[in-house]
Amino acid sequence: MPWKPLLEVATWAAFALEALAPVLLWIPGIGVAWALGLLALHAGLELTNNHGSWQLLMGAALLTFLPAAWLARLVPSRTPVWLRPGK
């Protein structure tokens, strides 16, 4: 199996992402990058495994660690422009 070393690195990366998440998600500079890494991990698990809705729930929970401005660009708002905060 020529890809076995890649799988070993990916396994240890997944362990590190999950184990350090409770601490590093709360650090402002690192937390966003860590949340994106965890979102990628859970998206990959959703595509390759069948764990019910667990991966979707984790993805939704991790979205709370992303900046609000990022999410505002992704999700259209029905609030009139003149009522939006910061406008």
Protein backbone atom coordinates (compact mmCIF):
# COMPACT_ATOMS: atom_id res chain seq x y z
CA MET A 1 0.00 0.00 0.00
CA PRO A 2 1.86 3.08 -1.20
CA TRP A 3 -0.53 5.46 0.60
CA LYS A 4 -0.02 3.91 4.05
CA PRO A 5 2.36 6.69 5.23
CA LEU A 6 -0.20 9.29 4.16
CA LEU A 7 -2.90 7.50 6.15
CA GLU A 8 -0.66 7.42 9.22
CA VAL A 9 -0.08 11.17 9.02
CA ALA A 10 -3.80 11.81 8.48
CA THR A 11 -4.66 9.64 11.49
CA TRP A 12 -2.29 11.53 13.79
CA ALA A 13 -3.51 14.86 12.40
CA ALA A 14 -7.11 13.88 13.18
CA PHE A 15 -6.10 12.86 16.71
CA ALA A 16 -4.34 16.21 17.21
CA LEU A 17 -7.26 18.22 15.79
CA GLU A 18 -9.78 16.52 18.07
CA ALA A 19 -7.61 16.37 21.20
CA LEU A 20 -6.47 20.00 21.12
CA ALA A 21 -9.80 21.47 20.00
CA PRO A 22 -11.18 22.23 23.51
CA VAL A 23 -8.20 24.50 24.17
CA LEU A 24 -7.24 25.95 20.79
CA LEU A 25 -10.72 26.83 19.54
CA TRP A 26 -10.92 29.61 22.14
CA ILE A 27 -7.68 31.34 21.08
CA PRO A 28 -8.69 34.13 18.66
CA GLY A 29 -5.88 33.79 16.10
CA ILE A 30 -5.70 30.01 16.06
CA GLY A 31 -9.34 29.20 16.72
CA VAL A 32 -10.61 30.09 13.26
CA ALA A 33 -7.96 27.99 11.52
CA TRP A 34 -8.61 25.14 13.96
CA ALA A 35 -12.36 25.33 13.34
CA LEU A 36 -11.78 25.21 9.57
CA GLY A 37 -9.55 22.17 10.01
CA LEU A 38 -12.19 20.45 12.11
CA LEU A 39 -14.88 21.36 9.56
CA ALA A 40 -12.76 19.74 6.84
CA LEU A 41 -12.23 16.67 9.02
CA HIS A 42 -15.94 16.25 9.71
CA ALA A 43 -16.86 16.93 6.08
CA GLY A 44 -14.49 14.14 5.05
CA LEU A 45 -15.98 11.82 7.65
CA GLU A 46 -19.48 12.66 6.43
CA LEU A 47 -18.50 11.80 2.86
CA THR A 48 -16.77 8.52 3.72
CA ASN A 49 -18.62 7.14 6.75
CA ASN A 50 -22.16 6.62 7.93
CA HIS A 51 -22.53 8.11 11.40
CA GLY A 52 -26.03 9.46 11.06
CA SER A 53 -26.35 13.15 11.73
CA TRP A 54 -23.34 13.44 14.06
CA GLN A 55 -21.03 15.03 11.48
CA LEU A 56 -23.69 17.57 10.50
CA LEU A 57 -24.22 18.48 14.16
CA MET A 58 -20.48 18.92 14.66
CA GLY A 59 -20.30 21.09 11.56
CA ALA A 60 -23.11 23.30 12.83
CA ALA A 61 -21.45 23.60 16.23
CA LEU A 62 -18.10 24.51 14.67
CA LEU A 63 -19.71 27.30 12.65
CA THR A 64 -20.10 29.20 15.92
CA PHE A 65 -16.31 29.60 16.08
CA LEU A 66 -16.10 31.35 12.70
CA PRO A 67 -16.29 35.14 12.44
CA ALA A 68 -19.82 36.47 12.05
CA ALA A 69 -18.79 38.46 8.96
CA TRP A 70 -17.85 35.23 7.15
CA LEU A 71 -21.20 33.66 7.91
CA ALA A 72 -23.07 36.83 6.95
CA ARG A 73 -21.56 36.61 3.47
CA LEU A 74 -22.59 32.97 3.12
CA VAL A 75 -26.14 33.27 4.42
CA PRO A 76 -28.35 35.90 2.82
CA SER A 77 -30.17 38.15 5.26
CA ARG A 78 -33.80 39.17 5.03
CA THR A 79 -33.16 42.09 7.33
CA PRO A 80 -33.27 45.43 5.51
CA VAL A 81 -29.87 47.05 5.08
CA TRP A 82 -30.81 50.03 7.23
CA LEU A 83 -31.61 47.71 10.19
CA ARG A 84 -28.41 45.67 10.07
CA PRO A 85 -25.87 46.38 12.80
CA GLY A 86 -22.78 48.24 11.69
CA LYS A 87 -24.44 49.74 8.60
